[in-house]
Structure formats: structure tokens, C-alpha cells
Protein backbone atom coordinates (compact mmCIF):
# COMPACT_ATOMS: atom_id res chain seq x y z
CA MET A 1 -4.18 10.16 -8.28
CA GLN A 2 -1.34 7.89 -9.87
CA ILE A 3 -0.33 6.86 -6.85
CA LYS A 4 -4.07 5.92 -5.57
CA ARG A 5 -4.16 3.93 -8.64
CA SER A 6 -0.79 2.46 -8.02
CA ILE A 7 -1.47 1.23 -4.35
CA ILE A 8 -5.34 -0.34 -5.57
CA LEU A 9 -3.50 -2.48 -8.10
CA GLY A 10 -0.98 -3.25 -5.56
CA LEU A 11 -3.72 -4.39 -3.44
CA VAL A 12 -5.04 -6.28 -5.92
CA ILE A 13 -1.96 -7.79 -6.63
CA ILE A 14 -1.33 -8.53 -3.22
CA ALA A 15 -4.67 -10.10 -2.34
CA MET A 16 -4.16 -12.69 -5.41
CA PHE A 17 -0.54 -13.47 -4.01
CA CYS A 18 -1.69 -14.04 -0.19
CA ALA A 19 -4.96 -15.88 -1.07
CA GLY A 20 -2.48 -18.32 -3.56
CA CYS A 21 -4.64 -17.92 -6.57
CA SER A 22 -4.44 -16.48 -10.09
CA GLU A 23 -8.03 -15.69 -10.48
CA LYS A 24 -10.31 -14.60 -8.07
CA ASP A 25 -14.14 -13.70 -8.08
CA THR A 26 -13.96 -10.12 -6.38
CA GLY A 27 -17.75 -9.86 -6.08
CA ASN A 28 -17.36 -12.77 -3.44
CA ILE A 29 -15.54 -13.40 -0.23
CA THR A 30 -13.17 -16.63 -0.68
CA PRO A 31 -15.65 -19.40 -0.20
CA GLY A 32 -15.59 -20.72 2.74
CA ALA A 33 -13.90 -17.76 4.56
CA GLU A 34 -16.72 -16.49 6.60
CA GLU A 35 -17.09 -20.22 8.02
CA VAL A 36 -13.44 -20.16 9.29
CA VAL A 37 -14.10 -18.11 12.23
CA SER A 38 -16.87 -20.58 13.65
CA GLU A 39 -14.04 -23.73 13.32
CA GLY A 40 -11.57 -22.01 15.60
CA PRO A 41 -9.50 -18.77 16.37
CA LEU A 42 -7.75 -17.47 13.46
CA ASN A 43 -3.86 -16.58 13.52
CA SER A 44 -2.73 -13.17 12.55
CA THR A 45 -2.18 -14.17 8.58
CA GLU A 46 -5.53 -16.07 8.64
CA TRP A 47 -7.03 -12.42 9.64
CA ASN A 48 -4.95 -10.65 6.81
CA ASN A 49 -6.24 -12.75 4.58
CA LYS A 50 -9.80 -12.62 5.40
CA GLY A 51 -8.88 -8.73 5.09
CA VAL A 52 -7.88 -9.00 1.79
CA ASP A 53 -10.60 -10.74 0.69
CA LEU A 54 -13.19 -8.47 2.19
CA PHE A 55 -11.12 -5.35 0.95
CA VAL A 56 -11.21 -6.81 -2.86
CA ALA A 57 -14.78 -7.77 -2.15
CA GLY A 58 -15.65 -3.76 -1.80
CA ARG A 59 -16.06 -4.21 1.80
CA ALA A 60 -13.29 -1.82 2.93
CA GLU A 61 -14.86 -1.06 6.27
CA GLU A 62 -14.74 -5.09 7.28
CA ALA A 63 -11.15 -5.52 5.91
CA LEU A 64 -10.04 -2.99 8.34
CA GLY A 65 -11.36 -5.13 11.23
CA ALA A 66 -9.92 -8.16 9.84
CA TYR A 67 -6.62 -6.20 10.11
CA ASP A 68 -7.08 -4.70 13.57
CA LYS A 69 -7.34 -8.66 14.58
CA ALA A 70 -4.59 -9.46 12.46
CA THR A 71 -2.04 -7.14 13.91
CA GLU A 72 -3.76 -7.38 17.94
CA ILE A 73 -2.68 -10.98 17.76
CA ASP A 74 0.41 -10.43 15.69
CA PRO A 75 1.61 -6.77 16.47
CA GLN A 76 4.68 -7.34 13.73
CA ASN A 77 2.23 -8.45 10.98
CA VAL A 78 3.98 -6.17 8.30
CA TYR A 79 1.41 -7.57 5.39
CA ALA A 80 -1.42 -6.55 7.68
CA TRP A 81 -0.51 -2.82 8.71
CA TYR A 82 0.26 -2.42 4.68
CA ASN A 83 -2.84 -3.62 4.03
CA LYS A 84 -4.57 -1.57 6.87
CA GLY A 85 -2.73 1.52 5.04
CA ILE A 86 -4.28 0.99 1.77
CA ALA A 87 -7.79 0.39 3.14
CA TYR A 88 -7.65 3.50 5.17
CA SER A 89 -6.36 5.41 1.97
CA TYR A 90 -9.34 3.88 -0.38
CA LEU A 91 -11.06 5.21 2.63
CA GLY A 92 -9.96 8.62 1.97
CA ARG A 93 -8.68 8.31 5.70
CA TYR A 94 -5.05 9.62 4.92
CA GLU A 95 -4.01 10.00 8.10
CA GLU A 96 -4.79 6.69 9.57
CA ALA A 97 -2.95 5.43 6.24
CA LEU A 98 -0.15 7.08 7.03
CA GLN A 99 0.26 5.58 10.67
CA ALA A 100 -0.60 2.14 9.26
CA TYR A 101 2.26 2.84 6.47
CA ASN A 102 4.47 4.33 9.40
CA ARG A 103 4.08 1.33 11.74
CA THR A 104 5.03 -0.72 8.14
CA THR A 105 8.34 1.17 7.54
CA GLU A 106 9.36 0.73 11.33
CA ILE A 107 8.83 -3.14 11.12
CA ASP A 108 10.38 -3.29 7.71
CA PRO A 109 12.27 -0.36 6.97
CA GLU A 110 14.05 -2.41 3.79
CA ASP A 111 10.44 -2.66 1.92
CA ALA A 112 10.93 0.15 -1.03
CA ASN A 113 7.52 -0.62 -1.54
CA ALA A 114 5.96 0.31 1.59
CA TRP A 115 7.94 3.87 1.42
CA HIS A 116 6.38 4.59 -1.93
CA THR A 117 2.77 4.16 -0.73
CA LYS A 118 3.65 5.75 2.67
CA ALA A 119 4.98 9.15 0.28
CA GLY A 120 1.45 8.40 -1.20
CA ALA A 121 -0.54 9.09 1.83
CA LEU A 122 1.87 11.95 2.58
CA ASN A 123 0.93 13.60 -0.95
CA ASP A 124 -2.90 13.08 -0.23
CA LEU A 125 -2.23 15.25 3.08
CA GLY A 126 -0.19 17.62 1.00
CA ARG A 127 2.75 16.90 2.99
CA TYR A 128 4.99 17.04 -0.38
CA GLU A 129 8.16 17.74 0.87
CA GLU A 130 7.74 14.41 3.50
CA ALA A 131 6.50 12.37 0.43
CA ILE A 132 10.00 13.50 -1.76
CA GLU A 133 11.70 12.09 1.65
CA ALA A 134 9.99 9.11 1.61
CA LEU A 135 10.27 8.38 -2.25
CA ASP A 136 13.94 9.15 -1.88
CA LYS A 137 14.08 6.58 0.88
CA ALA A 138 12.11 3.83 -1.68
CA ILE A 139 14.81 4.79 -4.45
CA GLU A 140 17.40 4.52 -2.49
CA LEU A 141 16.24 0.97 -1.51
CA ASP A 142 15.45 0.14 -5.47
CA PRO A 143 17.01 2.32 -7.66
CA GLN A 144 15.30 0.85 -10.48
CA PHE A 145 11.78 1.62 -9.02
CA ALA A 146 10.71 3.72 -12.14
CA TYR A 147 7.21 4.83 -10.48
CA ALA A 148 9.00 5.98 -6.98
CA TRP A 149 11.00 7.94 -9.62
CA TYR A 150 8.29 9.52 -11.61
CA ASN A 151 5.85 10.30 -8.59
CA LYS A 152 9.04 12.17 -7.03
CA GLY A 153 8.70 14.16 -10.01
CA THR A 154 5.08 14.83 -9.37
CA MET A 155 5.89 15.69 -6.27
CA LEU A 156 8.77 18.35 -7.20
CA ASP A 157 6.68 19.61 -10.13
CA LYS A 158 3.79 20.14 -6.91
CA LEU A 159 6.48 22.34 -5.34
CA GLY A 160 8.09 24.15 -8.73
CA ARG A 161 10.62 22.45 -8.79
CA THR A 162 10.32 21.77 -12.07
CA ASP A 163 14.17 21.36 -13.39
CA GLU A 164 14.53 18.82 -10.59
CA ALA A 165 11.36 16.77 -11.35
CA GLN A 166 12.31 16.54 -14.93
CA VAL A 167 15.50 14.47 -14.07
CA CYS A 168 13.17 12.38 -12.51
CA TYR A 169 11.02 12.07 -14.93
CA ASP A 170 13.93 11.41 -17.53
CA LYS A 171 15.12 9.14 -15.28
CA ALA A 172 11.48 6.91 -14.61
CA LYS A 173 11.30 6.87 -18.80
CA GLU A 174 14.90 5.60 -18.87
CA LEU A 175 13.75 2.62 -16.56
CA GLY A 176 10.96 1.79 -18.60
CA TYR A 177 7.98 4.02 -17.01
CA SER A 178 5.32 5.82 -19.37
CA ALA A 179 2.75 7.55 -18.00
């Protein structure tokens, strides 16, 4: 559950960043976004941004369609793949989320956050050992990633490895994480 909340919070932050604003009316699509289609074909980034707007407006299924368009136009659009994973996770479609996160980590294997969210999908699928491996990669890339340390502890706890889990919880706390 902690990972899912983090994913949703992360998407909202990404949405605000991608849209280039600090405040957003989450009840509506960005003004003019619906009409932009009639002005000409969208590029991959524009489809991704439209997907973010749709997701934030509570239209996750439609957002997936926009992310699909973005990745069809540019199969290397790491942001669209990442956002697709978030939307699939939100909809409880964890296998599809994992596929999107796998693609994300293939395109950008140095993105600690992508490995962290991949671990979330693996957790949701009950694949805790693989989730730990993904979290290890996130921590290798960003040793200061407190939330990854905490979530690794959670996975270890689920496997009954309480001593190892406590080491991770302590490290997360040392880095400023508070549950």
C-alpha cells in the first residue's frame, strides 16, 4: 500500500512537472488539450502530456490510450512507458504495469525511481524476491533513496527476514524516512 501511494504521489508530481505548472485543476483536462488533436498530429511528448492530464483528471483508461500513442510514435519515450506503468498499477493491472516498467528500465537502466516503481508492481504480484532485486538496483543507483530502503525492508519482512528488514528500516530512518 505504501508503494502504491508513492506511485500515485509521484505521478501527480510528474504530471505537474510535465505540464509545466505548479498548480493544476485536477477535475479537468488542461484547457485546449482536447482541441489540440484537431490542429494537427501530436508528437510523442504531446501524447504523453495529454495522458498525464487525462490521468490526473481521473480518466486512467483514456490516459493509457494516449500513452500508447506516445510509445507508438516514439518507442524510446521513457516518460510515456513510465506513466503507462503508473496507470496500469492504478487500475490494478500489475502484469501490464510490470511490462511497462521493464521497458522503462531497458530504455533508462540508470533511473532509480523506475526500478523502485518496478518493485512496486512486483510486490503487487507477490513476487517479493524479484521486488528486492529491483529495490537493490534502485539503491545501487541512489544509495540515499530512503523510500527504497524502507520498501526493501517491507519486502524482507514479508519473507520473514526480519533482521535484514530491520537493517533496511534503520538505514531508511537514518536517511530521513519516517513511516
